[in-house]
Amino acid sequence: MGRFIRATSLDELPQLINVLRGDMSLLGPRPPLTYHPWPIEEYTEEQLHMFDVRPGFSGWAQIHGRKDVEWNHRIELNVWYVRHIRFTLDVQIFFTTIFKVLLNKDNENKGETLKK
């Protein structure tokens, strides 16, 4: 049962409560996780810009590989999003997220996400 819930991303649905409470946005960089490969003090000034907006349920990095994106590239994608945020981009992210979840695209764990 757990494998099905994870494979279909149903385990992400409780985050909608955080969106409704205002702790998260529907779209934006995913919030940092406890297993990030380095502490926030080690982020460069440029990388820290990903924290300039409220974290989101889905974002630019997620539609560009979901689980198959190295941390450095994921952070680059998040910073790019923060610097280029606009309504049309959010619409693109929203519908691409739905498409990828329904088709279960890019949802396979490839192993440990590495810092490169």
PDB file of N, CA and C in Angstrom:
ATOM      1  N   MET A   1       0.823  -1.188   0.000  1.00  0.00           N
ATOM      2  CA  MET A   1       0.000   0.000   0.000  1.00  0.00           C
ATOM      3  C   MET A   1       0.871   1.258   0.000  1.00  0.00           C
ATOM      4  N   GLY A   2       1.916   1.252   0.825  1.00  0.00           N
ATOM      5  CA  GLY A   2       2.817   2.401   0.888  1.00  0.00           C
ATOM      6  C   GLY A   2       3.517   2.661  -0.430  1.00  0.00           C
ATOM      7  N   ARG A   3       3.895   1.601  -1.101  1.00  0.00           N
ATOM      8  CA  ARG A   3       4.564   1.734  -2.403  1.00  0.00           C
ATOM      9  C   ARG A   3       3.623   2.393  -3.415  1.00  0.00           C
ATOM     10  N   PHE A   4       2.341   2.026  -3.391  1.00  0.00           N
ATOM     11  CA  PHE A   4       1.349   2.625  -4.287  1.00  0.00           C
ATOM     12  C   PHE A   4       1.154   4.106  -3.959  1.00  0.00           C
ATOM     13  N   ILE A   5       1.039   4.411  -2.677  1.00  0.00           N
ATOM     14  CA  ILE A   5       0.842   5.810  -2.260  1.00  0.00           C
ATOM     15  C   ILE A   5       2.023   6.666  -2.695  1.00  0.00           C
ATOM     16  N   ARG A   6       3.235   6.165  -2.532  1.00  0.00           N
ATOM     17  CA  ARG A   6       4.427   6.924  -2.936  1.00  0.00           C
ATOM     18  C   ARG A   6       4.526   7.012  -4.458  1.00  0.00           C
ATOM     19  N   ALA A   7       4.247   5.910  -5.143  1.00  0.00           N
ATOM     20  CA  ALA A   7       4.358   5.887  -6.601  1.00  0.00           C
ATOM     21  C   ALA A   7       3.370   6.841  -7.259  1.00  0.00           C
ATOM     22  N   THR A   8       2.223   7.042  -6.652  1.00  0.00           N
ATOM     23  CA  THR A   8       1.203   7.929  -7.218  1.00  0.00           C
ATOM     24  C   THR A   8       1.277   9.340  -6.648  1.00  0.00           C
ATOM     25  N   SER A   9       2.263   9.599  -5.804  1.00  0.00           N
ATOM     26  CA  SER A   9       2.474  10.914  -5.160  1.00  0.00           C
ATOM     27  C   SER A   9       1.322  11.318  -4.239  1.00  0.00           C
ATOM     28  N   LEU A  10       0.502  10.364  -3.832  1.00  0.00           N
ATOM     29  CA  LEU A  10      -0.583  10.676  -2.900  1.00  0.00           C
ATOM     30  C   LEU A  10      -0.054  11.131  -1.539  1.00  0.00           C
ATOM     31  N   ASP A  11       1.189  10.735  -1.212  1.00  0.00           N
ATOM     32  CA  ASP A  11       1.776  11.149   0.057  1.00  0.00           C
ATOM     33  C   ASP A  11       2.055  12.649   0.091  1.00  0.00           C
ATOM     34  N   GLU A  12       1.974  13.317  -1.040  1.00  0.00           N
ATOM     35  CA  GLU A  12       2.198  14.763  -1.109  1.00  0.00           C
ATOM     36  C   GLU A  12       0.948  15.558  -0.742  1.00  0.00           C
ATOM     37  N   LEU A  13      -0.218  14.935  -0.792  1.00  0.00           N
ATOM     38  CA  LEU A  13      -1.477  15.656  -0.568  1.00  0.00           C
ATOM     39  C   LEU A  13      -1.583  16.362   0.786  1.00  0.00           C
ATOM     40  N   PRO A  14      -1.050  15.819   1.886  1.00  0.00           N
ATOM     41  CA  PRO A  14      -1.134  16.556   3.151  1.00  0.00           C
ATOM     42  C   PRO A  14      -0.479  17.937   3.099  1.00  0.00           C
ATOM     43  N   GLN A  15       0.427  18.153   2.144  1.00  0.00           N
ATOM     44  CA  GLN A  15       1.037  19.471   2.021  1.00  0.00           C
ATOM     45  C   GLN A  15       0.014  20.531   1.613  1.00  0.00           C
ATOM     46  N   LEU A  16      -1.094  20.100   1.043  1.00  0.00           N
ATOM     47  CA  LEU A  16      -2.139  21.066   0.700  1.00  0.00           C
ATOM     48  C   LEU A  16      -2.666  21.774   1.951  1.00  0.00           C
ATOM     49  N   ILE A  17      -2.591  21.103   3.094  1.00  0.00           N
ATOM     50  CA  ILE A  17      -2.980  21.750   4.361  1.00  0.00           C
ATOM     51  C   ILE A  17      -2.052  22.930   4.627  1.00  0.00           C
ATOM     52  N   ASN A  18      -0.759  22.753   4.357  1.00  0.00           N
ATOM     53  CA  ASN A  18       0.196  23.851   4.519  1.00  0.00           C
ATOM     54  C   ASN A  18      -0.103  24.996   3.566  1.00  0.00           C
ATOM     55  N   VAL A  19      -0.575  24.677   2.359  1.00  0.00           N
ATOM     56  CA  VAL A  19      -0.959  25.716   1.399  1.00  0.00           C
ATOM     57  C   VAL A  19      -2.165  26.476   1.933  1.00  0.00           C
ATOM     58  N   LEU A  20      -3.165  25.756   2.417  1.00  0.00           N
ATOM     59  CA  LEU A  20      -4.376  26.395   2.950  1.00  0.00           C
ATOM     60  C   LEU A  20      -4.081  27.249   4.182  1.00  0.00           C
ATOM     61  N   ARG A  21      -3.114  26.824   5.006  1.00  0.00           N
ATOM     62  CA  ARG A  21      -2.725  27.605   6.195  1.00  0.00           C
ATOM     63  C   ARG A  21      -1.876  28.816   5.844  1.00  0.00           C
ATOM     64  N   GLY A  22      -1.349  28.849   4.632  1.00  0.00           N
ATOM     65  CA  GLY A  22      -0.512  29.966   4.207  1.00  0.00           C
ATOM     66  C   GLY A  22       0.964  29.766   4.472  1.00  0.00           C
ATOM     67  N   ASP A  23       1.355  28.576   4.935  1.00  0.00           N
ATOM     68  CA  ASP A  23       2.767  28.284   5.181  1.00  0.00           C
ATOM     69  C   ASP A  23       3.511  27.991   3.882  1.00  0.00           C
ATOM     70  N   MET A  24       2.773  27.535   2.873  1.00  0.00           N
ATOM     71  CA  MET A  24       3.347  27.215   1.571  1.00  0.00           C
ATOM     72  C   MET A  24       2.475  27.841   0.495  1.00  0.00           C
ATOM     73  N   SER A  25       3.076  27.993  -0.666  1.00  0.00           N
ATOM     74  CA  SER A  25       2.361  28.428  -1.850  1.00  0.00           C
ATOM     75  C   SER A  25       2.045  27.185  -2.673  1.00  0.00           C
ATOM     76  N   LEU A  26       1.096  27.293  -3.574  1.00  0.00           N
ATOM     77  CA  LEU A  26       0.822  26.160  -4.455  1.00  0.00           C
ATOM     78  C   LEU A  26       2.023  25.918  -5.373  1.00  0.00           C
ATOM     79  N   LEU A  27       2.643  27.019  -5.841  1.00  0.00           N
ATOM     80  CA  LEU A  27       3.796  26.917  -6.737  1.00  0.00           C
ATOM     81  C   LEU A  27       4.958  27.721  -6.195  1.00  0.00           C
ATOM     82  N   GLY A  28       6.148  27.174  -6.343  1.00  0.00           N
ATOM     83  CA  GLY A  28       7.363  27.819  -5.872  1.00  0.00           C
ATOM     84  C   GLY A  28       8.399  26.752  -5.601  1.00  0.00           C
ATOM     85  N   PRO A  29       9.608  27.136  -5.243  1.00  0.00           N
ATOM     86  CA  PRO A  29      10.625  26.122  -4.928  1.00  0.00           C
ATOM     87  C   PRO A  29      10.164  25.222  -3.791  1.00  0.00           C
ATOM     88  N   ARG A  30      10.423  23.943  -3.918  1.00  0.00           N
ATOM     89  CA  ARG A  30      10.063  23.021  -2.844  1.00  0.00           C
ATOM     90  C   ARG A  30      10.814  23.410  -1.578  1.00  0.00           C
ATOM     91  N   PRO A  31      10.198  23.237  -0.408  1.00  0.00           N
ATOM     92  CA  PRO A  31      10.908  23.577   0.829  1.00  0.00           C
ATOM     93  C   PRO A  31      12.109  22.666   1.027  1.00  0.00           C
ATOM     94  N   PRO A  32      13.179  23.197   1.628  1.00  0.00           N
ATOM     95  CA  PRO A  32      14.356  22.353   1.860  1.00  0.00           C
ATOM     96  C   PRO A  32      14.020  21.215   2.820  1.00  0.00           C
ATOM     97  N   LEU A  33      14.656  20.092   2.613  1.00  0.00           N
ATOM     98  CA  LEU A  33      14.407  18.909   3.430  1.00  0.00           C
ATOM     99  C   LEU A  33      15.548  18.703   4.401  1.00  0.00           C
ATOM    100  N   THR A  34      15.293  17.899   5.401  1.00  0.00           N
ATOM    101  CA  THR A  34      16.307  17.653   6.422  1.00  0.00           C
ATOM    102  C   THR A  34      17.510  16.911   5.865  1.00  0.00           C
ATOM    103  N   TYR A  35      17.364  16.229   4.746  1.00  0.00           N
ATOM    104  CA  TYR A  35      18.480  15.464   4.204  1.00  0.00           C
ATOM    105  C   TYR A  35      19.184  16.187   3.060  1.00  0.00           C
ATOM    106  N   HIS A  36      19.041  17.507   2.978  1.00  0.00           N
ATOM    107  CA  HIS A  36      19.827  18.246   1.989  1.00  0.00           C
ATOM    108  C   HIS A  36      21.300  17.945   2.214  1.00  0.00           C
ATOM    109  N   PRO A  37      22.066  17.938   1.149  1.00  0.00           N
ATOM    110  CA  PRO A  37      23.467  17.523   1.307  1.00  0.00           C
ATOM    111  C   PRO A  37      24.349  18.555   1.998  1.00  0.00           C
ATOM    112  N   TRP A  38      23.874  19.755   2.247  1.00  0.00           N
ATOM    113  CA  TRP A  38      24.693  20.728   2.968  1.00  0.00           C
ATOM    114  C   TRP A  38      23.793  21.712   3.706  1.00  0.00           C
ATOM    115  N   PRO A  39      24.285  22.277   4.816  1.00  0.00           N
ATOM    116  CA  PRO A  39      23.472  23.224   5.600  1.00  0.00           C
ATOM    117  C   PRO A  39      23.331  24.564   4.871  1.00  0.00           C
ATOM    118  N   ILE A  40      22.329  25.331   5.255  1.00  0.00           N
ATOM    119  CA  ILE A  40      22.027  26.601   4.591  1.00  0.00           C
ATOM    120  C   ILE A  40      23.211  27.564   4.632  1.00  0.00           C
ATOM    121  N   GLU A  41      24.042  27.460   5.636  1.00  0.00           N
ATOM    122  CA  GLU A  41      25.215  28.328   5.740  1.00  0.00           C
ATOM    123  C   GLU A  41      26.190  28.119   4.580  1.00  0.00           C
ATOM    124  N   GLU A  42      26.110  26.974   3.922  1.00  0.00           N
ATOM    125  CA  GLU A  42      27.021  26.670   2.821  1.00  0.00           C
ATOM    126  C   GLU A  42      26.461  27.060   1.452  1.00  0.00           C
ATOM    127  N   TYR A  43      25.221  27.565   1.404  1.00  0.00           N
ATOM    128  CA  TYR A  43      24.669  28.041   0.139  1.00  0.00           C
ATOM    129  C   TYR A  43      25.393  29.315  -0.269  1.00  0.00           C
ATOM    130  N   THR A  44      25.604  29.493  -1.567  1.00  0.00           N
ATOM    131  CA  THR A  44      26.195  30.735  -2.054  1.00  0.00           C
ATOM    132  C   THR A  44      25.137  31.839  -1.984  1.00  0.00           C
ATOM    133  N   GLU A  45      25.589  33.071  -2.132  1.00  0.00           N
ATOM    134  CA  GLU A  45      24.646  34.206  -2.126  1.00  0.00           C
ATOM    135  C   GLU A  45      23.604  34.039  -3.240  1.00  0.00           C
ATOM    136  N   GLU A  46      24.049  33.562  -4.393  1.00  0.00           N
ATOM    137  CA  GLU A  46      23.127  33.335  -5.516  1.00  0.00           C
ATOM    138  C   GLU A  46      22.121  32.232  -5.180  1.00  0.00           C
ATOM    139  N   GLN A  47      22.587  31.132  -4.597  1.00  0.00           N
ATOM    140  CA  GLN A  47      21.702  30.016  -4.264  1.00  0.00           C
ATOM    141  C   GLN A  47      20.653  30.409  -3.231  1.00  0.00           C
ATOM    142  N   LEU A  48      21.001  31.313  -2.333  1.00  0.00           N
ATOM    143  CA  LEU A  48      20.064  31.734  -1.287  1.00  0.00           C
ATOM    144  C   LEU A  48      18.829  32.435  -1.840  1.00  0.00           C
ATOM    145  N   HIS A  49      18.876  32.874  -3.094  1.00  0.00           N
ATOM    146  CA  HIS A  49      17.710  33.536  -3.681  1.00  0.00           C
ATOM    147  C   HIS A  49      16.516  32.598  -3.824  1.00  0.00           C
ATOM    148  N   MET A  50      16.764  31.304  -3.791  1.00  0.00           N
ATOM    149  CA  MET A  50      15.620  30.385  -3.871  1.00  0.00           C
ATOM    150  C   MET A  50      14.714  30.502  -2.638  1.00  0.00           C
ATOM    151  N   PHE A  51      15.220  31.136  -1.591  1.00  0.00           N
ATOM    152  CA  PHE A  51      14.426  31.327  -0.378  1.00  0.00           C
ATOM    153  C   PHE A  51      13.725  32.690  -0.359  1.00  0.00           C
ATOM    154  N   ASP A  52      13.805  33.442  -1.458  1.00  0.00           N
ATOM    155  CA  ASP A  52      13.182  34.766  -1.522  1.00  0.00           C
ATOM    156  C   ASP A  52      11.665  34.699  -1.647  1.00  0.00           C
ATOM    157  N   VAL A  53      11.126  33.551  -1.977  1.00  0.00           N
ATOM    158  CA  VAL A  53       9.680  33.376  -2.111  1.00  0.00           C
ATOM    159  C   VAL A  53       9.224  32.244  -1.198  1.00  0.00           C
ATOM    160  N   ARG A  54       7.939  32.199  -0.942  1.00  0.00           N
ATOM    161  CA  ARG A  54       7.366  31.128  -0.116  1.00  0.00           C
ATOM    162  C   ARG A  54       7.554  29.785  -0.823  1.00  0.00           C
ATOM    163  N   PRO A  55       7.922  28.734  -0.091  1.00  0.00           N
ATOM    164  CA  PRO A  55       8.082  27.417  -0.720  1.00  0.00           C
ATOM    165  C   PRO A  55       6.761  26.942  -1.300  1.00  0.00           C
ATOM    166  N   GLY A  56       6.854  26.081  -2.309  1.00  0.00           N
ATOM    167  CA  GLY A  56       5.652  25.640  -2.996  1.00  0.00           C
ATOM    168  C   GLY A  56       5.461  24.137  -3.013  1.00  0.00           C
ATOM    169  N   PHE A  57       4.252  23.759  -3.332  1.00  0.00           N
ATOM    170  CA  PHE A  57       3.833  22.369  -3.469  1.00  0.00           C
ATOM    171  C   PHE A  57       4.507  21.739  -4.692  1.00  0.00           C
ATOM    172  N   SER A  58       4.638  22.516  -5.765  1.00  0.00           N
ATOM    173  CA  SER A  58       5.342  22.089  -6.967  1.00  0.00           C
ATOM    174  C   SER A  58       6.064  23.295  -7.539  1.00  0.00           C
ATOM    175  N   GLY A  59       7.089  23.047  -8.329  1.00  0.00           N
ATOM    176  CA  GLY A  59       7.850  24.162  -8.858  1.00  0.00           C
ATOM    177  C   GLY A  59       8.578  23.837 -10.141  1.00  0.00           C
ATOM    178  N   TRP A  60       9.363  24.795 -10.600  1.00  0.00           N
ATOM    179  CA  TRP A  60      10.107  24.697 -11.843  1.00  0.00           C
ATOM    180  C   TRP A  60      11.051  23.498 -11.846  1.00  0.00           C
ATOM    181  N   ALA A  61      11.742  23.261 -10.750  1.00  0.00           N
ATOM    182  CA  ALA A  61      12.668  22.120 -10.683  1.00  0.00           C
ATOM    183  C   ALA A  61      11.916  20.796 -10.755  1.00  0.00           C
ATOM    184  N   GLN A  62      10.730  20.734 -10.176  1.00  0.00           N
ATOM    185  CA  GLN A  62       9.977  19.486 -10.164  1.00  0.00           C
ATOM    186  C   GLN A  62       9.498  19.106 -11.560  1.00  0.00           C
ATOM    187  N   ILE A  63       9.167  20.084 -12.384  1.00  0.00           N
ATOM    188  CA  ILE A  63       8.697  19.720 -13.726  1.00  0.00           C
ATOM    189  C   ILE A  63       9.867  19.473 -14.679  1.00  0.00           C
ATOM    190  N   HIS A  64      11.080  19.675 -14.184  1.00  0.00           N
ATOM    191  CA  HIS A  64      12.266  19.414 -14.996  1.00  0.00           C
ATOM    192  C   HIS A  64      13.044  18.215 -14.466  1.00  0.00           C
ATOM    193  N   GLY A  65      12.336  17.212 -13.992  1.00  0.00           N
ATOM    194  CA  GLY A  65      13.004  15.988 -13.598  1.00  0.00           C
ATOM    195  C   GLY A  65      12.528  15.394 -12.291  1.00  0.00           C
ATOM    196  N   ARG A  66      11.750  16.129 -11.533  1.00  0.00           N
ATOM    197  CA  ARG A  66      11.257  15.658 -10.247  1.00  0.00           C
ATOM    198  C   ARG A  66      12.376  15.039  -9.419  1.00  0.00           C
ATOM    199  N   LYS A  67      12.498  13.730  -9.418  1.00  0.00           N
ATOM    200  CA  LYS A  67      13.461  13.056  -8.539  1.00  0.00           C
ATOM    201  C   LYS A  67      14.816  12.819  -9.187  1.00  0.00           C
ATOM    202  N   ASP A  68      14.969  13.197 -10.432  1.00  0.00           N
ATOM    203  CA  ASP A  68      16.202  12.887 -11.150  1.00  0.00           C
ATOM    204  C   ASP A  68      17.046  14.140 -11.405  1.00  0.00           C
ATOM    205  N   VAL A  69      16.987  15.104 -10.490  1.00  0.00           N
ATOM    206  CA  VAL A  69      17.735  16.350 -10.647  1.00  0.00           C
ATOM    207  C   VAL A  69      18.700  16.491  -9.478  1.00  0.00           C
ATOM    208  N   GLU A  70      19.996  16.647  -9.787  1.00  0.00           N
ATOM    209  CA  GLU A  70      20.991  16.836  -8.729  1.00  0.00           C
ATOM    210  C   GLU A  70      20.694  18.121  -7.975  1.00  0.00           C
ATOM    211  N   TRP A  71      21.097  18.181  -6.713  1.00  0.00           N
ATOM    212  CA  TRP A  71      20.788  19.332  -5.862  1.00  0.00           C
ATOM    213  C   TRP A  71      21.263  20.647  -6.468  1.00  0.00           C
ATOM    214  N   ASN A  72      22.491  20.692  -6.964  1.00  0.00           N
ATOM    215  CA  ASN A  72      22.996  21.948  -7.535  1.00  0.00           C
ATOM    216  C   ASN A  72      22.114  22.424  -8.678  1.00  0.00           C
ATOM    217  N   HIS A  73      21.740  21.508  -9.556  1.00  0.00           N
ATOM    218  CA  HIS A  73      20.898  21.892 -10.691  1.00  0.00           C
ATOM    219  C   HIS A  73      19.489  22.258 -10.210  1.00  0.00           C
ATOM    220  N   ARG A  74      18.988  21.533  -9.235  1.00  0.00           N
ATOM    221  CA  ARG A  74      17.666  21.840  -8.666  1.00  0.00           C
ATOM    222  C   ARG A  74      17.654  23.256  -8.090  1.00  0.00           C
ATOM    223  N   ILE A  75      18.715  23.607  -7.390  1.00  0.00           N
ATOM    224  CA  ILE A  75      18.809  24.947  -6.815  1.00  0.00           C
ATOM    225  C   ILE A  75      18.900  25.987  -7.929  1.00  0.00           C
ATOM    226  N   GLU A  76      19.686  25.702  -8.979  1.00  0.00           N
ATOM    227  CA  GLU A  76      19.762  26.618 -10.119  1.00  0.00           C
ATOM    228  C   GLU A  76      18.386  26.835 -10.739  1.00  0.00           C
ATOM    229  N   LEU A  77      17.627  25.757 -10.907  1.00  0.00           N
ATOM    230  CA  LEU A  77      16.279  25.872 -11.463  1.00  0.00           C
ATOM    231  C   LEU A  77      15.382  26.701 -10.543  1.00  0.00           C
ATOM    232  N   ASN A  78      15.511  26.497  -9.242  1.00  0.00           N
ATOM    233  CA  ASN A  78      14.702  27.270  -8.291  1.00  0.00           C
ATOM    234  C   ASN A  78      15.050  28.754  -8.333  1.00  0.00           C
ATOM    235  N   VAL A  79      16.326  29.061  -8.414  1.00  0.00           N
ATOM    236  CA  VAL A  79      16.750  30.463  -8.490  1.00  0.00           C
ATOM    237  C   VAL A  79      16.257  31.079  -9.796  1.00  0.00           C
ATOM    238  N   TRP A  80      16.344  30.327 -10.881  1.00  0.00           N
ATOM    239  CA  TRP A  80      15.844  30.826 -12.163  1.00  0.00           C
ATOM    240  C   TRP A  80      14.356  31.170 -12.040  1.00  0.00           C
ATOM    241  N   TYR A  81      13.602  30.276 -11.422  1.00  0.00           N
ATOM    242  CA  TYR A  81      12.171  30.514 -11.233  1.00  0.00           C
ATOM    243  C   TYR A  81      11.928  31.805 -10.441  1.00  0.00           C
ATOM    244  N   VAL A  82      12.632  31.971  -9.338  1.00  0.00           N
ATOM    245  CA  VAL A  82      12.448  33.162  -8.499  1.00  0.00           C
ATOM    246  C   VAL A  82      12.739  34.428  -9.296  1.00  0.00           C
ATOM    247  N   ARG A  83      13.742  34.382 -10.133  1.00  0.00           N
ATOM    248  CA  ARG A  83      14.126  35.562 -10.930  1.00  0.00           C
ATOM    249  C   ARG A  83      13.176  35.820 -12.107  1.00  0.00           C
ATOM    250  N   HIS A  84      12.412  34.812 -12.536  1.00  0.00           N
ATOM    251  CA  HIS A  84      11.549  34.937 -13.716  1.00  0.00           C
ATOM    252  C   HIS A  84      10.069  34.714 -13.403  1.00  0.00           C
ATOM    253  N   ILE A  85       9.699  34.746 -12.150  1.00  0.00           N
ATOM    254  CA  ILE A  85       8.333  34.435 -11.743  1.00  0.00           C
ATOM    255  C   ILE A  85       7.331  35.354 -12.454  1.00  0.00           C
ATOM    256  N   ARG A  86       6.297  34.722 -12.985  1.00  0.00           N
ATOM    257  CA  ARG A  86       5.208  35.445 -13.636  1.00  0.00           C
ATOM    258  C   ARG A  86       4.016  34.494 -13.734  1.00  0.00           C
ATOM    259  N   PHE A  87       2.851  35.050 -13.958  1.00  0.00           N
ATOM    260  CA  PHE A  87       1.620  34.272 -13.982  1.00  0.00           C
ATOM    261  C   PHE A  87       1.659  33.166 -15.039  1.00  0.00           C
ATOM    262  N   THR A  88       2.114  33.487 -16.246  1.00  0.00           N
ATOM    263  CA  THR A  88       2.127  32.482 -17.315  1.00  0.00           C
ATOM    264  C   THR A  88       3.070  31.325 -16.998  1.00  0.00           C
ATOM    265  N   LEU A  89       4.163  31.614 -16.336  1.00  0.00           N
ATOM    266  CA  LEU A  89       5.084  30.554 -15.916  1.00  0.00           C
ATOM    267  C   LEU A  89       4.411  29.658 -14.883  1.00  0.00           C
ATOM    268  N   ASP A  90       3.697  30.259 -13.941  1.00  0.00           N
ATOM    269  CA  ASP A  90       2.982  29.472 -12.934  1.00  0.00           C
ATOM    270  C   ASP A  90       1.904  28.599 -13.570  1.00  0.00           C
ATOM    271  N   VAL A  91       1.215  29.097 -14.579  1.00  0.00           N
ATOM    272  CA  VAL A  91       0.210  28.298 -15.282  1.00  0.00           C
ATOM    273  C   VAL A  91       0.877  27.100 -15.952  1.00  0.00           C
ATOM    274  N   GLN A  92       2.031  27.337 -16.577  1.00  0.00           N
ATOM    275  CA  GLN A  92       2.780  26.253 -17.218  1.00  0.00           C
ATOM    276  C   GLN A  92       3.194  25.202 -16.189  1.00  0.00           C
ATOM    277  N   ILE A  93       3.715  25.629 -15.066  1.00  0.00           N
ATOM    278  CA  ILE A  93       4.139  24.702 -14.009  1.00  0.00           C
ATOM    279  C   ILE A  93       2.943  23.908 -13.492  1.00  0.00           C
ATOM    280  N   PHE A  94       1.833  24.593 -13.259  1.00  0.00           N
ATOM    281  CA  PHE A  94       0.626  23.953 -12.722  1.00  0.00           C
ATOM    282  C   PHE A  94       0.158  22.810 -13.629  1.00  0.00           C
ATOM    283  N   PHE A  95      -0.014  23.093 -14.921  1.00  0.00           N
ATOM    284  CA  PHE A  95      -0.529  22.069 -15.824  1.00  0.00           C
ATOM    285  C   PHE A  95       0.503  20.982 -16.124  1.00  0.00           C
ATOM    286  N   THR A  96       1.766  21.334 -16.176  1.00  0.00           N
ATOM    287  CA  THR A  96       2.802  20.322 -16.382  1.00  0.00           C
ATOM    288  C   THR A  96       2.873  19.385 -15.179  1.00  0.00           C
ATOM    289  N   THR A  97       2.724  19.932 -13.981  1.00  0.00           N
ATOM    290  CA  THR A  97       2.717  19.104 -12.770  1.00  0.00           C
ATOM    291  C   THR A  97       1.581  18.091 -12.827  1.00  0.00           C
ATOM    292  N   ILE A  98       0.387  18.555 -13.157  1.00  0.00           N
ATOM    293  CA  ILE A  98      -0.773  17.650 -13.248  1.00  0.00           C
ATOM    294  C   ILE A  98      -0.507  16.559 -14.276  1.00  0.00           C
ATOM    295  N   PHE A  99      -0.005  16.954 -15.433  1.00  0.00           N
ATOM    296  CA  PHE A  99       0.302  16.002 -16.506  1.00  0.00           C
ATOM    297  C   PHE A  99       1.307  14.951 -16.033  1.00  0.00           C
ATOM    298  N   LYS A 100       2.380  15.383 -15.401  1.00  0.00           N
ATOM    299  CA  LYS A 100       3.421  14.449 -14.969  1.00  0.00           C
ATOM    300  C   LYS A 100       2.932  13.528 -13.851  1.00  0.00           C
ATOM    301  N   VAL A 101       2.120  14.049 -12.947  1.00  0.00           N
ATOM    302  CA  VAL A 101       1.600  13.204 -11.871  1.00  0.00           C
ATOM    303  C   VAL A 101       0.636  12.164 -12.439  1.00  0.00           C
ATOM    304  N   LEU A 102      -0.248  12.592 -13.322  1.00  0.00           N
ATOM    305  CA  LEU A 102      -1.202  11.642 -13.909  1.00  0.00           C
ATOM    306  C   LEU A 102      -0.512  10.553 -14.716  1.00  0.00           C
ATOM    307  N   LEU A 103       0.560  10.907 -15.404  1.00  0.00           N
ATOM    308  CA  LEU A 103       1.300   9.918 -16.197  1.00  0.00           C
ATOM    309  C   LEU A 103       2.422   9.249 -15.406  1.00  0.00           C
ATOM    310  N   ASN A 104       2.600   9.692 -14.136  1.00  0.00           N
ATOM    311  CA  ASN A 104       3.650   9.159 -13.267  1.00  0.00           C
ATOM    312  C   ASN A 104       5.036   9.312 -13.899  1.00  0.00           C
ATOM    313  N   LYS A 105       5.266  10.439 -14.577  1.00  0.00           N
ATOM    314  CA  LYS A 105       6.546  10.697 -15.243  1.00  0.00           C
ATOM    315  C   LYS A 105       7.585  11.192 -14.248  1.00  0.00           C
ATOM    316  N   ASP A 106       8.828  10.753 -14.433  1.00  0.00           N
ATOM    317  CA  ASP A 106       9.967  11.193 -13.624  1.00  0.00           C
ATOM    318  C   ASP A 106       9.758  10.949 -12.146  1.00  0.00           C
ATOM    319  N   ASN A 107       9.045   9.896 -11.782  1.00  0.00           N
ATOM    320  CA  ASN A 107       8.720   9.652 -10.377  1.00  0.00           C
ATOM    321  C   ASN A 107       9.456   8.443  -9.829  1.00  0.00           C
ATOM    322  N   GLU A 108      10.565   8.095 -10.449  1.00  0.00           N
ATOM    323  CA  GLU A 108      11.332   6.938  -9.996  1.00  0.00           C
ATOM    324  C   GLU A 108      12.573   7.412  -9.248  1.00  0.00           C
ATOM    325  N   ASN A 109      12.768   6.883  -8.041  1.00  0.00           N
ATOM    326  CA  ASN A 109      13.988   7.201  -7.302  1.00  0.00           C
ATOM    327  C   ASN A 109      15.167   6.559  -8.008  1.00  0.00           C
ATOM    328  N   LYS A 110      16.178   7.364  -8.293  1.00  0.00           N
ATOM    329  CA  LYS A 110      17.368   6.872  -8.989  1.00  0.00           C
ATOM    330  C   LYS A 110      18.494   6.578  -8.011  1.00  0.00           C
ATOM    331  N   GLY A 111      18.211   6.659  -6.736  1.00  0.00           N
ATOM    332  CA  GLY A 111      19.244   6.487  -5.725  1.00  0.00           C
ATOM    333  C   GLY A 111      19.400   7.765  -4.958  1.00  0.00           C
ATOM    334  N   GLU A 112      20.476   7.865  -4.221  1.00  0.00           N
ATOM    335  CA  GLU A 112      20.733   9.034  -3.395  1.00  0.00           C
ATOM    336  C   GLU A 112      20.992  10.259  -4.273  1.00  0.00           C
ATOM    337  N   THR A 113      20.362  11.384  -3.916  1.00  0.00           N
ATOM    338  CA  THR A 113      20.610  12.636  -4.630  1.00  0.00           C
ATOM    339  C   THR A 113      21.925  13.207  -4.132  1.00  0.00           C
ATOM    340  N   LEU A 114      22.830  13.455  -5.043  1.00  0.00           N
ATOM    341  CA  LEU A 114      24.177  13.864  -4.664  1.00  0.00           C
ATOM    342  C   LEU A 114      24.414  15.356  -4.868  1.00  0.00           C
ATOM    343  N   LYS A 115      25.300  15.879  -4.069  1.00  0.00           N
ATOM    344  CA  LYS A 115      25.774  17.251  -4.232  1.00  0.00           C
ATOM    345  C   LYS A 115      26.947  17.181  -5.207  1.00  0.00           C
ATOM    346  N   LYS A 116      26.841  17.905  -6.318  1.00  0.00           N
ATOM    347  CA  LYS A 116      27.944  17.898  -7.296  1.00  0.00           C
ATOM    348  C   LYS A 116      28.323  19.312  -7.631  1.00  0.00           C
TER     349      LYS A 116
END
